[in-house]
Amino acid sequence: MLLTESPKVKVTIETYPAAIQAKIHTLRDLIIATATETSEINTLEETLKWGEPSYLTPTGSTLRIGWKQSQPDHYALYCNCNTRLVDTFSVLYPNVFTFEKNRAIVFHMTDSVPVAELTHCIRLALTYHRIKHLPLLGA
């Protein structure tokens, strides 16, 4: 898989508080690892969208990682709200994640990241164009 990294993403993450930087890097690493391990993904582009680290692939929907000063103890993995991604995640993992409407999985600083479940959600997002017609995205 070809990863196109963005130096602007690194600079943006460095503006976050140190504790948040570590959390953001965990999500970033998980997105990249999931893309690498998913055979139908050949390219992953890292860029900034709305000033936040974002990950794009031709096979899927954009994923964004966000932190807001207005909620300093939270960070999130955002999905396109015009997809069925977060709605599907909330059916698959209702007691595992906290959701923000149809747009994000939200984490508190003290939360441990459920890696297996989050990897599944990331894989569904990165392959969304291939599975969007399937019930529960084929899960």
C-alpha atoms as a PDB file:
ATOM      1  CA  MET A   1       0.000   0.000   0.000  1.00  0.00           C
ATOM      2  CA  LEU A   2       1.221   3.476  -0.888  1.00  0.00           C
ATOM      3  CA  LEU A   3       0.873   5.984   1.964  1.00  0.00           C
ATOM      4  CA  THR A   4       1.126   9.676   1.131  1.00  0.00           C
ATOM      5  CA  GLU A   5       1.959  11.458   4.384  1.00  0.00           C
ATOM      6  CA  SER A   6       1.443  15.152   4.983  1.00  0.00           C
ATOM      7  CA  PRO A   7       3.957  17.250   6.948  1.00  0.00           C
ATOM      8  CA  LYS A   8       1.069  19.636   7.718  1.00  0.00           C
ATOM      9  CA  VAL A   9      -0.648  16.869   9.681  1.00  0.00           C
ATOM     10  CA  LYS A  10       2.429  16.440  11.866  1.00  0.00           C
ATOM     11  CA  VAL A  11       2.583  20.195  12.515  1.00  0.00           C
ATOM     12  CA  THR A  12      -1.132  20.288  13.355  1.00  0.00           C
ATOM     13  CA  ILE A  13      -0.877  17.387  15.822  1.00  0.00           C
ATOM     14  CA  GLU A  14       2.066  19.112  17.518  1.00  0.00           C
ATOM     15  CA  THR A  15      -0.220  22.040  18.395  1.00  0.00           C
ATOM     16  CA  TYR A  16      -2.381  19.765  20.560  1.00  0.00           C
ATOM     17  CA  PRO A  17      -1.678  19.156  24.265  1.00  0.00           C
ATOM     18  CA  ALA A  18       0.869  16.340  24.779  1.00  0.00           C
ATOM     19  CA  ALA A  19      -1.675  13.884  26.211  1.00  0.00           C
ATOM     20  CA  ILE A  20      -3.976  14.421  23.219  1.00  0.00           C
ATOM     21  CA  GLN A  21      -1.080  14.071  20.772  1.00  0.00           C
ATOM     22  CA  ALA A  22      -0.507  10.518  22.034  1.00  0.00           C
ATOM     23  CA  LYS A  23      -4.198   9.664  21.609  1.00  0.00           C
ATOM     24  CA  ILE A  24      -4.322  11.153  18.106  1.00  0.00           C
ATOM     25  CA  HIS A  25      -1.189   9.222  17.120  1.00  0.00           C
ATOM     26  CA  THR A  26      -2.826   6.010  18.362  1.00  0.00           C
ATOM     27  CA  LEU A  27      -5.818   6.583  16.052  1.00  0.00           C
ATOM     28  CA  ARG A  28      -3.551   7.620  13.169  1.00  0.00           C
ATOM     29  CA  ASP A  29      -1.423   4.500  13.561  1.00  0.00           C
ATOM     30  CA  LEU A  30      -4.521   2.307  13.695  1.00  0.00           C
ATOM     31  CA  ILE A  31      -5.917   3.836  10.485  1.00  0.00           C
ATOM     32  CA  ILE A  32      -2.623   3.307   8.666  1.00  0.00           C
ATOM     33  CA  ALA A  33      -2.205  -0.246   9.988  1.00  0.00           C
ATOM     34  CA  THR A  34      -5.774  -1.147   9.014  1.00  0.00           C
ATOM     35  CA  ALA A  35      -5.315   0.263   5.515  1.00  0.00           C
ATOM     36  CA  THR A  36      -2.046  -1.645   5.145  1.00  0.00           C
ATOM     37  CA  GLU A  37      -3.690  -4.907   6.237  1.00  0.00           C
ATOM     38  CA  THR A  38      -6.723  -4.495   3.946  1.00  0.00           C
ATOM     39  CA  SER A  39      -5.927  -6.080   0.581  1.00  0.00           C
ATOM     40  CA  GLU A  40      -8.259  -3.939  -1.538  1.00  0.00           C
ATOM     41  CA  ILE A  41      -6.670  -0.690  -0.337  1.00  0.00           C
ATOM     42  CA  ASN A  42      -3.769   0.325  -2.554  1.00  0.00           C
ATOM     43  CA  THR A  43      -3.376   3.962  -1.529  1.00  0.00           C
ATOM     44  CA  LEU A  44      -4.004   6.060   1.552  1.00  0.00           C
ATOM     45  CA  GLU A  45      -3.640   9.824   1.501  1.00  0.00           C
ATOM     46  CA  GLU A  46      -3.048  11.783   4.686  1.00  0.00           C
ATOM     47  CA  THR A  47      -4.137  15.412   4.471  1.00  0.00           C
ATOM     48  CA  LEU A  48      -5.886  18.158   6.415  1.00  0.00           C
ATOM     49  CA  LYS A  49      -9.627  18.693   6.079  1.00  0.00           C
ATOM     50  CA  TRP A  50     -11.271  21.342   8.229  1.00  0.00           C
ATOM     51  CA  GLY A  51      -7.847  21.742   9.829  1.00  0.00           C
ATOM     52  CA  GLU A  52      -7.825  18.154  11.125  1.00  0.00           C
ATOM     53  CA  PRO A  53      -5.837  15.041  10.160  1.00  0.00           C
ATOM     54  CA  SER A  54      -7.807  13.199   7.488  1.00  0.00           C
ATOM     55  CA  TYR A  55      -7.355   9.923   5.630  1.00  0.00           C
ATOM     56  CA  LEU A  56      -8.664   9.243   2.135  1.00  0.00           C
ATOM     57  CA  THR A  57      -8.678   6.199  -0.080  1.00  0.00           C
ATOM     58  CA  PRO A  58     -10.493   5.652  -3.396  1.00  0.00           C
ATOM     59  CA  THR A  59     -12.307   2.614  -1.969  1.00  0.00           C
ATOM     60  CA  GLY A  60     -13.770   4.342   1.057  1.00  0.00           C
ATOM     61  CA  SER A  61     -15.088   7.315   2.906  1.00  0.00           C
ATOM     62  CA  THR A  62     -12.871   9.963   4.479  1.00  0.00           C
ATOM     63  CA  LEU A  63     -11.901   9.479   8.120  1.00  0.00           C
ATOM     64  CA  ARG A  64     -10.935  12.486  10.224  1.00  0.00           C
ATOM     65  CA  ILE A  65      -9.326  12.670  13.654  1.00  0.00           C
ATOM     66  CA  GLY A  66     -10.344  15.627  15.769  1.00  0.00           C
ATOM     67  CA  TRP A  67      -9.749  17.405  19.034  1.00  0.00           C
ATOM     68  CA  LYS A  68     -11.456  20.625  20.076  1.00  0.00           C
ATOM     69  CA  GLN A  69     -10.351  23.116  22.736  1.00  0.00           C
ATOM     70  CA  SER A  70     -14.004  23.460  23.711  1.00  0.00           C
ATOM     71  CA  GLN A  71     -13.949  19.798  24.849  1.00  0.00           C
ATOM     72  CA  PRO A  72     -10.348  19.349  25.992  1.00  0.00           C
ATOM     73  CA  ASP A  73     -10.901  15.899  27.542  1.00  0.00           C
ATOM     74  CA  HIS A  74     -12.347  14.379  24.373  1.00  0.00           C
ATOM     75  CA  TYR A  75     -11.152  13.446  20.913  1.00  0.00           C
ATOM     76  CA  ALA A  76     -12.979  11.769  18.064  1.00  0.00           C
ATOM     77  CA  LEU A  77     -12.868   9.721  14.903  1.00  0.00           C
ATOM     78  CA  TYR A  78     -15.156  11.480  12.432  1.00  0.00           C
ATOM     79  CA  CYS A  79     -16.929   9.945   9.455  1.00  0.00           C
ATOM     80  CA  ASN A  80     -18.843  11.589   6.655  1.00  0.00           C
ATOM     81  CA  CYS A  81     -22.316  12.244   8.083  1.00  0.00           C
ATOM     82  CA  ASN A  82     -23.873  11.462   4.687  1.00  0.00           C
ATOM     83  CA  THR A  83     -22.861   7.811   5.030  1.00  0.00           C
ATOM     84  CA  ARG A  84     -24.369   4.995   7.076  1.00  0.00           C
ATOM     85  CA  LEU A  85     -21.077   4.396   8.882  1.00  0.00           C
ATOM     86  CA  VAL A  86     -21.748   5.739  12.382  1.00  0.00           C
ATOM     87  CA  ASP A  87     -25.326   4.448  12.332  1.00  0.00           C
ATOM     88  CA  THR A  88     -23.946   0.989  11.529  1.00  0.00           C
ATOM     89  CA  PHE A  89     -21.222   1.244  14.185  1.00  0.00           C
ATOM     90  CA  SER A  90     -23.875   2.112  16.777  1.00  0.00           C
ATOM     91  CA  VAL A  91     -25.821  -1.050  15.892  1.00  0.00           C
ATOM     92  CA  LEU A  92     -22.708  -3.243  15.920  1.00  0.00           C
ATOM     93  CA  TYR A  93     -21.102  -1.755  19.050  1.00  0.00           C
ATOM     94  CA  PRO A  94     -23.783   0.014  21.117  1.00  0.00           C
ATOM     95  CA  ASN A  95     -22.045  -0.632  24.440  1.00  0.00           C
ATOM     96  CA  VAL A  96     -18.466  -0.272  23.250  1.00  0.00           C
ATOM     97  CA  PHE A  97     -18.329   3.283  21.876  1.00  0.00           C
ATOM     98  CA  THR A  98     -19.821   6.688  22.547  1.00  0.00           C
ATOM     99  CA  PHE A  99     -21.277   8.263  19.411  1.00  0.00           C
ATOM    100  CA  GLU A 100     -21.915  11.830  18.364  1.00  0.00           C
ATOM    101  CA  LYS A 101     -25.045  11.656  16.252  1.00  0.00           C
ATOM    102  CA  ASN A 102     -24.248  10.176  12.827  1.00  0.00           C
ATOM    103  CA  ARG A 103     -20.779  11.701  12.554  1.00  0.00           C
ATOM    104  CA  ALA A 104     -18.295  10.428  15.124  1.00  0.00           C
ATOM    105  CA  ILE A 105     -17.002   7.929  17.626  1.00  0.00           C
ATOM    106  CA  VAL A 106     -16.013  10.010  20.644  1.00  0.00           C
ATOM    107  CA  PHE A 107     -13.396   9.051  23.217  1.00  0.00           C
ATOM    108  CA  HIS A 108     -12.694  10.502  26.647  1.00  0.00           C
ATOM    109  CA  MET A 109      -9.056  10.913  27.602  1.00  0.00           C
ATOM    110  CA  THR A 110      -9.402   8.134  30.183  1.00  0.00           C
ATOM    111  CA  ASP A 111     -10.997   5.652  27.769  1.00  0.00           C
ATOM    112  CA  SER A 112      -8.993   2.708  26.575  1.00  0.00           C
ATOM    113  CA  VAL A 113      -9.349   2.223  22.845  1.00  0.00           C
ATOM    114  CA  PRO A 114     -11.048  -1.092  21.974  1.00  0.00           C
ATOM    115  CA  VAL A 115      -8.625  -1.944  19.180  1.00  0.00           C
ATOM    116  CA  ALA A 116     -10.410  -4.915  17.581  1.00  0.00           C
ATOM    117  CA  GLU A 117     -13.766  -3.134  17.371  1.00  0.00           C
ATOM    118  CA  LEU A 118     -12.262   0.151  16.203  1.00  0.00           C
ATOM    119  CA  THR A 119     -10.189  -1.647  13.570  1.00  0.00           C
ATOM    120  CA  HIS A 120     -13.411  -3.188  12.253  1.00  0.00           C
ATOM    121  CA  CYS A 121     -15.068   0.241  12.074  1.00  0.00           C
ATOM    122  CA  ILE A 122     -12.048   1.742  10.309  1.00  0.00           C
ATOM    123  CA  ARG A 123     -11.994  -1.119   7.784  1.00  0.00           C
ATOM    124  CA  LEU A 124     -15.698  -0.564   7.039  1.00  0.00           C
ATOM    125  CA  ALA A 125     -15.044   3.145   6.461  1.00  0.00           C
ATOM    126  CA  LEU A 126     -11.983   2.567   4.276  1.00  0.00           C
ATOM    127  CA  THR A 127     -13.940   0.130   2.066  1.00  0.00           C
ATOM    128  CA  TYR A 128     -17.292   1.927   2.231  1.00  0.00           C
ATOM    129  CA  HIS A 129     -17.793   2.405  -1.533  1.00  0.00           C
ATOM    130  CA  ARG A 130     -17.604  -1.348  -2.050  1.00  0.00           C
ATOM    131  CA  ILE A 131     -19.987  -2.271   0.806  1.00  0.00           C
ATOM    132  CA  LYS A 132     -22.384   0.655   1.187  1.00  0.00           C
ATOM    133  CA  HIS A 133     -25.248  -1.245  -0.501  1.00  0.00           C
ATOM    134  CA  LEU A 134     -25.029  -4.215   1.922  1.00  0.00           C
ATOM    135  CA  PRO A 135     -27.166  -4.548   5.075  1.00  0.00           C
ATOM    136  CA  LEU A 136     -25.044  -3.442   8.059  1.00  0.00           C
ATOM    137  CA  LEU A 137     -22.293  -2.806   5.490  1.00  0.00           C
ATOM    138  CA  GLY A 138     -21.761  -6.531   5.209  1.00  0.00           C
ATOM    139  CA  ALA A 139     -20.638  -6.843   8.816  1.00  0.00           C
END
